[in-house]
Amino acid sequence: MKVSSCVLLIMIMFICSCSSIHIKKSEEQLLRIPYTSFLDNSNREYFLYLPKGYKESDKNWPILMFLHGNGERGNGKSDLDYVQIHGPLYEAWVQKRDLPFIIIAPQLHMFDLDKQRIDYITNRTKESIPKRLKNGTPKRPKPRFTSEKLNSFMSSTIPETKIKFINKYGWNNVQEDLINIIDNTLQNFKADDKRVYLTGLSFGGYGTWHTASKYPDKFAAINPIVGFVFPDLIKPIAENKTPIWNIAGGKDKAVPSKYFYTGINKLKELGHHKVRLTVHEDTDHIETWRRVYAGQDIYDWLLSHSNRKNM
């Protein structure tokens, strides 16, 4: 009896010790996935981030596609690292935040803008690209605040020249690539087709509107930052009632918040009420997206939506 009792006690202790063992999650990964662009048949790559715990998990993970701004475009090969400078990829990979998404981050073609003397493209350097550290994380950029006021007499009418420039050089030119990349991810990775989200900043904000307008059934929710909707894009989004959180900066000279209201109001007039517009009154163009992506609210809001048409 004593031997049996000892054996039983040892077994109980062993079981208890096993149950207390912490199983370490697999580390996050950043992959470069090759593809051929439908636009010009060029061979390019995009970033695909797999979150911590992806490898051993049996669940399907939500997809978050991120469209960068004008200054991070490039050849999709040696220039691709510029895509890590801002947005959810910067947060997850460089700042090592545990964001529960498969993050897709392609790079927009240059379209010869490097020859047009745009300072933030012409003068950019690889040294400006933040690096993921083996231990710890790099310091975040200092917040950008200005006491300068915008011209209160600025027209709320969107300049036609601005629309033409964005349409000529924007993400709308590679939408077939974007959808192909999403479909490839759904096919080859543990991804949830009911939770495909789209976000972008500045040029990527416009790209978010464009892509959601052309493929309104594809996305469970969209988050365009410092990019407003063009009039001709509104109807398909309103009909699909895609949840939207649009964000602007109150001191943004590049994309003034006055331009946002016409499109948002039109969406609501057409019966689309799953629309939010937030204006950060104290931030400029860059600080607006830095604040949003550094926070948690936008990620929680995206995850609260699922594509009802795929359910």
C-alpha atoms as a PDB file:
ATOM      1  CA  MET A   1       0.000   0.000   0.000  1.00  0.00           C
ATOM      2  CA  LYS A   2       2.827   2.387   0.814  1.00  0.00           C
ATOM      3  CA  VAL A   3       4.503   1.741  -2.557  1.00  0.00           C
ATOM      4  CA  SER A   4       1.225   2.248  -4.414  1.00  0.00           C
ATOM      5  CA  SER A   5       0.581   5.475  -2.537  1.00  0.00           C
ATOM      6  CA  CYS A   6       4.042   6.772  -3.404  1.00  0.00           C
ATOM      7  CA  VAL A   7       3.602   5.895  -7.068  1.00  0.00           C
ATOM      8  CA  LEU A   8       0.217   7.616  -7.110  1.00  0.00           C
ATOM      9  CA  LEU A   9       1.671  10.706  -5.445  1.00  0.00           C
ATOM     10  CA  ILE A  10       4.521  10.848  -7.970  1.00  0.00           C
ATOM     11  CA  MET A  11       2.061  10.544 -10.866  1.00  0.00           C
ATOM     12  CA  ILE A  12      -0.089  13.381  -9.498  1.00  0.00           C
ATOM     13  CA  MET A  13       2.981  15.594  -9.047  1.00  0.00           C
ATOM     14  CA  PHE A  14       4.129  14.799 -12.586  1.00  0.00           C
ATOM     15  CA  ILE A  15       0.738  15.656 -14.079  1.00  0.00           C
ATOM     16  CA  CYS A  16       0.562  18.907 -12.139  1.00  0.00           C
ATOM     17  CA  SER A  17       4.068  19.904 -13.191  1.00  0.00           C
ATOM     18  CA  CYS A  18       3.255  19.171 -16.840  1.00  0.00           C
ATOM     19  CA  SER A  19       0.105  21.273 -16.700  1.00  0.00           C
ATOM     20  CA  SER A  20       2.107  24.224 -15.406  1.00  0.00           C
ATOM     21  CA  ILE A  21       4.668  24.071 -18.202  1.00  0.00           C
ATOM     22  CA  HIS A  22       4.369  27.162 -20.381  1.00  0.00           C
ATOM     23  CA  ILE A  23       4.416  26.302 -24.050  1.00  0.00           C
ATOM     24  CA  LYS A  24       6.334  29.046 -25.811  1.00  0.00           C
ATOM     25  CA  LYS A  25       4.709  30.489 -28.898  1.00  0.00           C
ATOM     26  CA  SER A  26       6.580  30.275 -32.182  1.00  0.00           C
ATOM     27  CA  GLU A  27       8.318  33.499 -33.119  1.00  0.00           C
ATOM     28  CA  GLU A  28       6.872  35.922 -35.629  1.00  0.00           C
ATOM     29  CA  GLN A  29       8.255  35.788 -39.177  1.00  0.00           C
ATOM     30  CA  LEU A  30       8.699  38.325 -41.968  1.00  0.00           C
ATOM     31  CA  LEU A  31       8.691  36.712 -45.411  1.00  0.00           C
ATOM     32  CA  ARG A  32       9.370  38.146 -48.843  1.00  0.00           C
ATOM     33  CA  ILE A  33       6.912  36.595 -51.295  1.00  0.00           C
ATOM     34  CA  PRO A  34       7.669  36.811 -55.051  1.00  0.00           C
ATOM     35  CA  TYR A  35       5.012  37.654 -57.615  1.00  0.00           C
ATOM     36  CA  THR A  36       4.678  38.975 -61.150  1.00  0.00           C
ATOM     37  CA  SER A  37       2.839  42.272 -61.546  1.00  0.00           C
ATOM     38  CA  PHE A  38      -0.143  42.334 -63.891  1.00  0.00           C
ATOM     39  CA  LEU A  39       0.663  45.975 -64.634  1.00  0.00           C
ATOM     40  CA  ASP A  40       4.026  45.601 -66.364  1.00  0.00           C
ATOM     41  CA  ASN A  41       4.959  41.911 -66.006  1.00  0.00           C
ATOM     42  CA  SER A  42       7.800  42.853 -63.645  1.00  0.00           C
ATOM     43  CA  ASN A  43       9.081  40.432 -61.012  1.00  0.00           C
ATOM     44  CA  ARG A  44       8.488  41.887 -57.585  1.00  0.00           C
ATOM     45  CA  GLU A  45       8.125  40.907 -53.934  1.00  0.00           C
ATOM     46  CA  TYR A  46       5.865  41.879 -51.045  1.00  0.00           C
ATOM     47  CA  PHE A  47       6.214  41.474 -47.302  1.00  0.00           C
ATOM     48  CA  LEU A  48       4.098  38.910 -45.490  1.00  0.00           C
ATOM     49  CA  TYR A  49       4.214  38.955 -41.699  1.00  0.00           C
ATOM     50  CA  LEU A  50       3.185  35.863 -39.728  1.00  0.00           C
ATOM     51  CA  PRO A  51       2.282  36.618 -36.099  1.00  0.00           C
ATOM     52  CA  LYS A  52       3.629  35.015 -32.980  1.00  0.00           C
ATOM     53  CA  GLY A  53       2.017  31.610 -32.470  1.00  0.00           C
ATOM     54  CA  TYR A  54       1.048  31.182 -36.124  1.00  0.00           C
ATOM     55  CA  LYS A  55       3.104  28.036 -36.719  1.00  0.00           C
ATOM     56  CA  GLU A  56       1.485  25.817 -34.076  1.00  0.00           C
ATOM     57  CA  SER A  57      -1.995  27.318 -34.285  1.00  0.00           C
ATOM     58  CA  ASP A  58      -4.861  25.487 -35.985  1.00  0.00           C
ATOM     59  CA  LYS A  59      -6.972  28.625 -36.403  1.00  0.00           C
ATOM     60  CA  ASN A  60      -7.275  30.818 -39.474  1.00  0.00           C
ATOM     61  CA  TRP A  61      -5.836  34.274 -38.900  1.00  0.00           C
ATOM     62  CA  PRO A  62      -7.284  37.613 -40.050  1.00  0.00           C
ATOM     63  CA  ILE A  63      -5.498  39.375 -42.912  1.00  0.00           C
ATOM     64  CA  LEU A  64      -4.513  43.037 -42.711  1.00  0.00           C
ATOM     65  CA  MET A  65      -3.300  44.508 -46.004  1.00  0.00           C
ATOM     66  CA  PHE A  66      -1.336  47.742 -45.597  1.00  0.00           C
ATOM     67  CA  LEU A  67      -0.863  50.276 -48.404  1.00  0.00           C
ATOM     68  CA  HIS A  68       2.013  52.692 -47.774  1.00  0.00           C
ATOM     69  CA  GLY A  69       2.315  56.361 -48.706  1.00  0.00           C
ATOM     70  CA  ASN A  70       3.919  58.119 -51.648  1.00  0.00           C
ATOM     71  CA  GLY A  71       7.420  58.213 -50.171  1.00  0.00           C
ATOM     72  CA  GLU A  72       7.844  54.450 -49.748  1.00  0.00           C
ATOM     73  CA  ARG A  73       7.200  53.328 -53.340  1.00  0.00           C
ATOM     74  CA  GLY A  74       9.881  51.460 -55.272  1.00  0.00           C
ATOM     75  CA  ASN A  75      10.952  48.504 -57.391  1.00  0.00           C
ATOM     76  CA  GLY A  76       9.557  45.785 -55.122  1.00  0.00           C
ATOM     77  CA  LYS A  77      13.009  44.255 -54.651  1.00  0.00           C
ATOM     78  CA  SER A  78      15.946  46.298 -53.338  1.00  0.00           C
ATOM     79  CA  ASP A  79      13.552  49.122 -52.345  1.00  0.00           C
ATOM     80  CA  LEU A  80      11.080  46.916 -50.481  1.00  0.00           C
ATOM     81  CA  ASP A  81      12.481  47.647 -47.018  1.00  0.00           C
ATOM     82  CA  TYR A  82      11.109  51.218 -47.238  1.00  0.00           C
ATOM     83  CA  VAL A  83       7.686  49.685 -46.595  1.00  0.00           C
ATOM     84  CA  GLN A  84       8.777  48.989 -42.982  1.00  0.00           C
ATOM     85  CA  ILE A  85       9.075  52.692 -42.119  1.00  0.00           C
ATOM     86  CA  HIS A  86       5.422  53.249 -41.144  1.00  0.00           C
ATOM     87  CA  GLY A  87       2.200  51.452 -40.393  1.00  0.00           C
ATOM     88  CA  PRO A  88       1.235  48.085 -38.906  1.00  0.00           C
ATOM     89  CA  LEU A  89       4.304  46.330 -40.332  1.00  0.00           C
ATOM     90  CA  TYR A  90       6.534  48.786 -38.477  1.00  0.00           C
ATOM     91  CA  GLU A  91       4.507  48.198 -35.317  1.00  0.00           C
ATOM     92  CA  ALA A  92       4.522  44.400 -35.537  1.00  0.00           C
ATOM     93  CA  TRP A  93       7.988  43.700 -36.910  1.00  0.00           C
ATOM     94  CA  VAL A  94      10.182  46.611 -35.815  1.00  0.00           C
ATOM     95  CA  GLN A  95       8.437  47.474 -32.536  1.00  0.00           C
ATOM     96  CA  LYS A  96       7.642  43.779 -31.852  1.00  0.00           C
ATOM     97  CA  ARG A  97       4.010  44.337 -30.965  1.00  0.00           C
ATOM     98  CA  ASP A  98       1.913  41.193 -30.787  1.00  0.00           C
ATOM     99  CA  LEU A  99      -0.638  42.101 -33.472  1.00  0.00           C
ATOM    100  CA  PRO A 100      -2.850  39.078 -34.280  1.00  0.00           C
ATOM    101  CA  PHE A 101      -2.906  39.508 -38.061  1.00  0.00           C
ATOM    102  CA  ILE A 102      -1.235  38.116 -41.123  1.00  0.00           C
ATOM    103  CA  ILE A 103       0.035  41.451 -42.424  1.00  0.00           C
ATOM    104  CA  ILE A 104       0.504  41.915 -46.169  1.00  0.00           C
ATOM    105  CA  ALA A 105       2.573  44.904 -47.298  1.00  0.00           C
ATOM    106  CA  PRO A 106       3.230  45.313 -51.046  1.00  0.00           C
ATOM    107  CA  GLN A 107       5.189  48.158 -52.619  1.00  0.00           C
ATOM    108  CA  LEU A 108       3.718  50.528 -55.193  1.00  0.00           C
ATOM    109  CA  HIS A 109       5.592  51.019 -58.471  1.00  0.00           C
ATOM    110  CA  MET A 110       7.751  54.120 -58.805  1.00  0.00           C
ATOM    111  CA  PHE A 111       6.074  55.343 -62.043  1.00  0.00           C
ATOM    112  CA  ASP A 112       9.141  57.589 -62.627  1.00  0.00           C
ATOM    113  CA  LEU A 113       8.310  59.817 -59.653  1.00  0.00           C
ATOM    114  CA  ASP A 114      11.970  59.510 -58.632  1.00  0.00           C
ATOM    115  CA  LYS A 115      12.737  61.681 -61.665  1.00  0.00           C
ATOM    116  CA  GLN A 116      10.328  64.472 -60.702  1.00  0.00           C
ATOM    117  CA  ARG A 117      12.399  66.035 -57.925  1.00  0.00           C
ATOM    118  CA  ILE A 118      10.044  65.148 -55.085  1.00  0.00           C
ATOM    119  CA  ASP A 119      12.308  65.729 -52.095  1.00  0.00           C
ATOM    120  CA  TYR A 120      11.071  62.936 -49.845  1.00  0.00           C
ATOM    121  CA  ILE A 121      11.615  60.417 -52.659  1.00  0.00           C
ATOM    122  CA  THR A 122      14.764  61.798 -54.269  1.00  0.00           C
ATOM    123  CA  ASN A 123      16.582  62.393 -50.981  1.00  0.00           C
ATOM    124  CA  ARG A 124      15.540  59.282 -49.080  1.00  0.00           C
ATOM    125  CA  THR A 125      18.276  56.899 -47.916  1.00  0.00           C
ATOM    126  CA  LYS A 126      18.389  53.307 -46.720  1.00  0.00           C
ATOM    127  CA  GLU A 127      19.723  54.619 -43.403  1.00  0.00           C
ATOM    128  CA  SER A 128      16.249  56.026 -42.676  1.00  0.00           C
ATOM    129  CA  ILE A 129      14.745  52.533 -42.638  1.00  0.00           C
ATOM    130  CA  PRO A 130      14.212  51.342 -39.039  1.00  0.00           C
ATOM    131  CA  LYS A 131      15.874  48.066 -38.137  1.00  0.00           C
ATOM    132  CA  ARG A 132      14.487  45.234 -36.048  1.00  0.00           C
ATOM    133  CA  LEU A 133      16.863  44.776 -33.113  1.00  0.00           C
ATOM    134  CA  LYS A 134      17.899  41.425 -31.684  1.00  0.00           C
ATOM    135  CA  ASN A 135      17.266  42.756 -28.189  1.00  0.00           C
ATOM    136  CA  GLY A 136      14.718  45.454 -27.465  1.00  0.00           C
ATOM    137  CA  THR A 137      13.230  47.901 -29.931  1.00  0.00           C
ATOM    138  CA  PRO A 138      14.441  51.130 -31.547  1.00  0.00           C
ATOM    139  CA  LYS A 139      13.248  54.460 -30.209  1.00  0.00           C
ATOM    140  CA  ARG A 140      10.144  55.791 -31.852  1.00  0.00           C
ATOM    141  CA  PRO A 141      10.384  59.116 -33.703  1.00  0.00           C
ATOM    142  CA  LYS A 142       9.619  62.158 -31.576  1.00  0.00           C
ATOM    143  CA  PRO A 143       6.025  63.399 -31.943  1.00  0.00           C
ATOM    144  CA  ARG A 144       5.545  66.179 -34.483  1.00  0.00           C
ATOM    145  CA  PHE A 145       3.371  69.028 -33.219  1.00  0.00           C
ATOM    146  CA  THR A 146       2.883  72.510 -34.594  1.00  0.00           C
ATOM    147  CA  SER A 147       1.164  75.598 -33.249  1.00  0.00           C
ATOM    148  CA  GLU A 148       0.696  76.879 -36.789  1.00  0.00           C
ATOM    149  CA  LYS A 149      -2.936  77.242 -37.839  1.00  0.00           C
ATOM    150  CA  LEU A 150      -4.308  76.280 -41.225  1.00  0.00           C
ATOM    151  CA  ASN A 151      -5.905  78.902 -43.427  1.00  0.00           C
ATOM    152  CA  SER A 152      -9.531  78.990 -42.261  1.00  0.00           C
ATOM    153  CA  PHE A 153     -10.590  80.299 -45.672  1.00  0.00           C
ATOM    154  CA  MET A 154      -9.257  77.230 -47.469  1.00  0.00           C
ATOM    155  CA  SER A 155     -11.836  75.834 -49.864  1.00  0.00           C
ATOM    156  CA  SER A 156     -13.429  72.463 -49.043  1.00  0.00           C
ATOM    157  CA  THR A 157     -13.630  71.717 -52.772  1.00  0.00           C
ATOM    158  CA  ILE A 158     -11.157  69.008 -53.743  1.00  0.00           C
ATOM    159  CA  PRO A 159      -8.730  70.317 -56.406  1.00  0.00           C
ATOM    160  CA  GLU A 160      -9.083  68.445 -59.702  1.00  0.00           C
ATOM    161  CA  THR A 161      -5.300  68.499 -60.151  1.00  0.00           C
ATOM    162  CA  LYS A 162      -4.893  66.525 -56.912  1.00  0.00           C
ATOM    163  CA  ILE A 163      -7.334  63.862 -58.051  1.00  0.00           C
ATOM    164  CA  LYS A 164      -5.596  63.535 -61.428  1.00  0.00           C
ATOM    165  CA  PHE A 165      -2.149  63.207 -59.822  1.00  0.00           C
ATOM    166  CA  ILE A 166      -3.284  60.491 -57.415  1.00  0.00           C
ATOM    167  CA  ASN A 167      -5.128  58.578 -60.132  1.00  0.00           C
ATOM    168  CA  LYS A 168      -2.084  58.705 -62.412  1.00  0.00           C
ATOM    169  CA  TYR A 169       0.447  57.492 -59.845  1.00  0.00           C
ATOM    170  CA  GLY A 170      -1.676  55.688 -57.265  1.00  0.00           C
ATOM    171  CA  TRP A 171      -2.608  52.232 -56.030  1.00  0.00           C
ATOM    172  CA  ASN A 172      -5.624  52.182 -58.357  1.00  0.00           C
ATOM    173  CA  ASN A 173      -3.193  51.157 -61.114  1.00  0.00           C
ATOM    174  CA  VAL A 174      -2.242  47.888 -59.400  1.00  0.00           C
ATOM    175  CA  GLN A 175      -5.528  46.706 -57.931  1.00  0.00           C
ATOM    176  CA  GLU A 176      -5.374  43.410 -59.787  1.00  0.00           C
ATOM    177  CA  ASP A 177      -2.024  42.763 -58.084  1.00  0.00           C
ATOM    178  CA  LEU A 178      -3.504  43.525 -54.657  1.00  0.00           C
ATOM    179  CA  ILE A 179      -6.425  41.137 -55.047  1.00  0.00           C
ATOM    180  CA  ASN A 180      -4.142  38.433 -56.433  1.00  0.00           C
ATOM    181  CA  ILE A 181      -1.860  38.814 -53.399  1.00  0.00           C
ATOM    182  CA  ILE A 182      -4.811  38.485 -51.014  1.00  0.00           C
ATOM    183  CA  ASP A 183      -6.128  35.427 -52.855  1.00  0.00           C
ATOM    184  CA  ASN A 184      -2.674  33.842 -52.791  1.00  0.00           C
ATOM    185  CA  THR A 185      -2.493  34.397 -49.036  1.00  0.00           C
ATOM    186  CA  LEU A 186      -5.917  32.851 -48.500  1.00  0.00           C
ATOM    187  CA  GLN A 187      -4.890  29.840 -50.555  1.00  0.00           C
ATOM    188  CA  ASN A 188      -1.430  29.203 -49.116  1.00  0.00           C
ATOM    189  CA  PHE A 189      -1.581  30.374 -45.504  1.00  0.00           C
ATOM    190  CA  LYS A 190      -3.874  29.829 -42.530  1.00  0.00           C
ATOM    191  CA  ALA A 191      -6.000  32.886 -43.278  1.00  0.00           C
ATOM    192  CA  ASP A 192      -9.637  33.766 -42.604  1.00  0.00           C
ATOM    193  CA  ASP A 193     -11.574  34.923 -45.676  1.00  0.00           C
ATOM    194  CA  LYS A 194     -14.266  36.380 -43.395  1.00  0.00           C
ATOM    195  CA  ARG A 195     -11.775  38.800 -41.835  1.00  0.00           C
ATOM    196  CA  VAL A 196      -9.799  40.523 -44.571  1.00  0.00           C
ATOM    197  CA  TYR A 197      -9.060  44.149 -43.669  1.00  0.00           C
ATOM    198  CA  LEU A 198      -7.546  47.038 -45.612  1.00  0.00           C
ATOM    199  CA  THR A 199      -5.713  50.062 -44.266  1.00  0.00           C
ATOM    200  CA  GLY A 200      -3.430  52.666 -45.780  1.00  0.00           C
ATOM    201  CA  LEU A 201      -1.935  56.086 -45.182  1.00  0.00           C
ATOM    202  CA  SER A 202      -1.896  59.129 -47.470  1.00  0.00           C
ATOM    203  CA  PHE A 203      -1.470  57.680 -51.005  1.00  0.00           C
ATOM    204  CA  GLY A 204      -2.322  54.365 -49.372  1.00  0.00           C
ATOM    205  CA  GLY A 205      -5.414  55.959 -47.859  1.00  0.00           C
ATOM    206  CA  TYR A 206      -6.636  56.821 -51.357  1.00  0.00           C
ATOM    207  CA  GLY A 207      -5.629  53.336 -52.431  1.00  0.00           C
ATOM    208  CA  THR A 208      -7.783  51.912 -49.653  1.00  0.00           C
ATOM    209  CA  TRP A 209     -10.822  53.808 -50.958  1.00  0.00           C
ATOM    210  CA  HIS A 210     -10.112  52.818 -54.572  1.00  0.00           C
ATOM    211  CA  THR A 211      -9.659  49.127 -53.816  1.00  0.00           C
ATOM    212  CA  ALA A 212     -12.693  48.909 -51.541  1.00  0.00           C
ATOM    213  CA  SER A 213     -14.791  50.605 -54.226  1.00  0.00           C
ATOM    214  CA  LYS A 214     -13.756  48.193 -56.972  1.00  0.00           C
ATOM    215  CA  TYR A 215     -13.873  45.070 -54.755  1.00  0.00           C
ATOM    216  CA  PRO A 216     -16.452  45.966 -52.079  1.00  0.00           C
ATOM    217  CA  ASP A 217     -17.210  42.325 -51.175  1.00  0.00           C
ATOM    218  CA  LYS A 218     -13.584  41.542 -50.395  1.00  0.00           C
ATOM    219  CA  PHE A 219     -13.133  43.448 -47.152  1.00  0.00           C
ATOM    220  CA  ALA A 220     -14.762  43.121 -43.750  1.00  0.00           C
ATOM    221  CA  ALA A 221     -13.726  46.692 -42.861  1.00  0.00           C
ATOM    222  CA  ILE A 222     -11.438  49.453 -44.150  1.00  0.00           C
ATOM    223  CA  ASN A 223      -9.347  52.153 -42.474  1.00  0.00           C
ATOM    224  CA  PRO A 224      -8.118  54.957 -44.771  1.00  0.00           C
ATOM    225  CA  ILE A 225      -5.831  57.390 -42.915  1.00  0.00           C
ATOM    226  CA  VAL A 226      -5.203  60.944 -44.192  1.00  0.00           C
ATOM    227  CA  GLY A 227      -6.864  60.035 -47.490  1.00  0.00           C
ATOM    228  CA  PHE A 228     -10.398  61.086 -48.476  1.00  0.00           C
ATOM    229  CA  VAL A 229     -12.831  59.387 -50.836  1.00  0.00           C
ATOM    230  CA  PHE A 230     -13.231  60.608 -54.427  1.00  0.00           C
ATOM    231  CA  PRO A 231     -16.833  61.226 -55.556  1.00  0.00           C
ATOM    232  CA  ASP A 232     -16.840  58.476 -58.214  1.00  0.00           C
ATOM    233  CA  LEU A 233     -15.847  55.813 -55.659  1.00  0.00           C
ATOM    234  CA  ILE A 234     -18.689  56.317 -53.207  1.00  0.00           C
ATOM    235  CA  LYS A 235     -21.628  54.365 -54.637  1.00  0.00           C
ATOM    236  CA  PRO A 236     -20.232  50.765 -54.553  1.00  0.00           C
ATOM    237  CA  ILE A 237     -18.975  51.229 -50.992  1.00  0.00           C
ATOM    238  CA  ALA A 238     -22.323  52.649 -49.873  1.00  0.00           C
ATOM    239  CA  GLU A 239     -24.234  49.799 -51.510  1.00  0.00           C
ATOM    240  CA  ASN A 240     -22.059  47.180 -49.829  1.00  0.00           C
ATOM    241  CA  LYS A 241     -22.091  49.079 -46.519  1.00  0.00           C
ATOM    242  CA  THR A 242     -18.459  48.247 -45.860  1.00  0.00           C
ATOM    243  CA  PRO A 243     -17.570  49.449 -42.312  1.00  0.00           C
ATOM    244  CA  ILE A 244     -15.251  52.468 -42.537  1.00  0.00           C
ATOM    245  CA  TRP A 245     -13.109  54.365 -40.081  1.00  0.00           C
ATOM    246  CA  ASN A 246     -11.624  57.357 -41.892  1.00  0.00           C
ATOM    247  CA  ILE A 247      -9.022  59.426 -40.006  1.00  0.00           C
ATOM    248  CA  ALA A 248      -7.685  62.913 -40.712  1.00  0.00           C
ATOM    249  CA  GLY A 249      -5.294  65.401 -39.110  1.00  0.00           C
ATOM    250  CA  GLY A 250      -6.586  68.808 -38.052  1.00  0.00           C
ATOM    251  CA  LYS A 251      -3.252  70.443 -38.915  1.00  0.00           C
ATOM    252  CA  ASP A 252      -2.591  68.441 -42.067  1.00  0.00           C
ATOM    253  CA  LYS A 253      -1.575  70.793 -44.880  1.00  0.00           C
ATOM    254  CA  ALA A 254      -1.041  68.007 -47.406  1.00  0.00           C
ATOM    255  CA  VAL A 255      -4.549  66.546 -47.044  1.00  0.00           C
ATOM    256  CA  PRO A 256      -6.713  69.083 -45.163  1.00  0.00           C
ATOM    257  CA  SER A 257      -9.542  67.648 -43.079  1.00  0.00           C
ATOM    258  CA  LYS A 258     -12.010  69.906 -44.916  1.00  0.00           C
ATOM    259  CA  TYR A 259     -11.797  67.583 -47.903  1.00  0.00           C
ATOM    260  CA  PHE A 260     -13.150  64.612 -45.930  1.00  0.00           C
ATOM    261  CA  TYR A 261     -16.656  65.748 -45.047  1.00  0.00           C
ATOM    262  CA  THR A 262     -18.232  65.795 -48.511  1.00  0.00           C
ATOM    263  CA  GLY A 263     -17.585  62.112 -49.158  1.00  0.00           C
ATOM    264  CA  ILE A 264     -18.483  60.974 -45.634  1.00  0.00           C
ATOM    265  CA  ASN A 265     -21.761  62.900 -45.730  1.00  0.00           C
ATOM    266  CA  LYS A 266     -22.559  61.485 -49.159  1.00  0.00           C
ATOM    267  CA  LEU A 267     -22.058  57.931 -47.903  1.00  0.00           C
ATOM    268  CA  LYS A 268     -24.516  58.600 -45.093  1.00  0.00           C
ATOM    269  CA  GLU A 269     -27.016  60.171 -47.504  1.00  0.00           C
ATOM    270  CA  LEU A 270     -26.928  56.917 -49.482  1.00  0.00           C
ATOM    271  CA  GLY A 271     -27.891  54.968 -46.378  1.00  0.00           C
ATOM    272  CA  HIS A 272     -24.444  53.860 -45.241  1.00  0.00           C
ATOM    273  CA  HIS A 273     -24.192  54.493 -41.505  1.00  0.00           C
ATOM    274  CA  LYS A 274     -21.262  52.231 -40.593  1.00  0.00           C
ATOM    275  CA  VAL A 275     -18.975  55.184 -41.216  1.00  0.00           C
ATOM    276  CA  ARG A 276     -16.724  56.972 -38.743  1.00  0.00           C
ATOM    277  CA  LEU A 277     -14.644  60.080 -39.323  1.00  0.00           C
ATOM    278  CA  THR A 278     -12.118  61.049 -36.667  1.00  0.00           C
ATOM    279  CA  VAL A 279     -10.104  64.270 -36.909  1.00  0.00           C
ATOM    280  CA  HIS A 280      -7.063  64.497 -34.642  1.00  0.00           C
ATOM    281  CA  GLU A 281      -7.116  68.273 -34.290  1.00  0.00           C
ATOM    282  CA  ASP A 282      -3.528  68.576 -33.004  1.00  0.00           C
ATOM    283  CA  THR A 283      -1.695  66.445 -35.601  1.00  0.00           C
ATOM    284  CA  ASP A 284      -0.178  67.072 -39.010  1.00  0.00           C
ATOM    285  CA  HIS A 285       0.016  64.666 -41.953  1.00  0.00           C
ATOM    286  CA  ILE A 286       2.702  62.330 -40.592  1.00  0.00           C
ATOM    287  CA  GLU A 287       1.897  62.481 -36.890  1.00  0.00           C
ATOM    288  CA  THR A 288      -1.713  61.456 -37.573  1.00  0.00           C
ATOM    289  CA  TRP A 289      -0.819  58.021 -38.915  1.00  0.00           C
ATOM    290  CA  ARG A 290       1.993  57.534 -36.420  1.00  0.00           C
ATOM    291  CA  ARG A 291      -0.456  58.059 -33.570  1.00  0.00           C
ATOM    292  CA  VAL A 292      -3.162  55.847 -35.045  1.00  0.00           C
ATOM    293  CA  TYR A 293      -0.955  52.860 -35.826  1.00  0.00           C
ATOM    294  CA  ALA A 294       0.945  53.183 -32.520  1.00  0.00           C
ATOM    295  CA  GLY A 295      -2.349  52.924 -30.636  1.00  0.00           C
ATOM    296  CA  GLN A 296      -4.602  49.910 -30.180  1.00  0.00           C
ATOM    297  CA  ASP A 297      -8.047  51.254 -31.080  1.00  0.00           C
ATOM    298  CA  ILE A 298      -7.845  50.724 -34.829  1.00  0.00           C
ATOM    299  CA  TYR A 299      -6.759  47.084 -34.536  1.00  0.00           C
ATOM    300  CA  ASP A 300      -9.537  46.298 -32.054  1.00  0.00           C
ATOM    301  CA  TRP A 301     -12.083  48.040 -34.275  1.00  0.00           C
ATOM    302  CA  LEU A 302     -11.022  46.079 -37.359  1.00  0.00           C
ATOM    303  CA  LEU A 303     -11.175  42.774 -35.494  1.00  0.00           C
ATOM    304  CA  SER A 304     -14.719  43.556 -34.342  1.00  0.00           C
ATOM    305  CA  HIS A 305     -15.939  43.194 -37.957  1.00  0.00           C
ATOM    306  CA  SER A 306     -16.478  40.108 -40.058  1.00  0.00           C
ATOM    307  CA  ASN A 307     -17.624  39.945 -43.661  1.00  0.00           C
ATOM    308  CA  ARG A 308     -21.268  38.961 -43.349  1.00  0.00           C
ATOM    309  CA  LYS A 309     -21.468  37.879 -47.007  1.00  0.00           C
ATOM    310  CA  ASN A 310     -18.896  35.143 -46.442  1.00  0.00           C
ATOM    311  CA  MET A 311     -20.484  33.846 -43.232  1.00  0.00           C
END
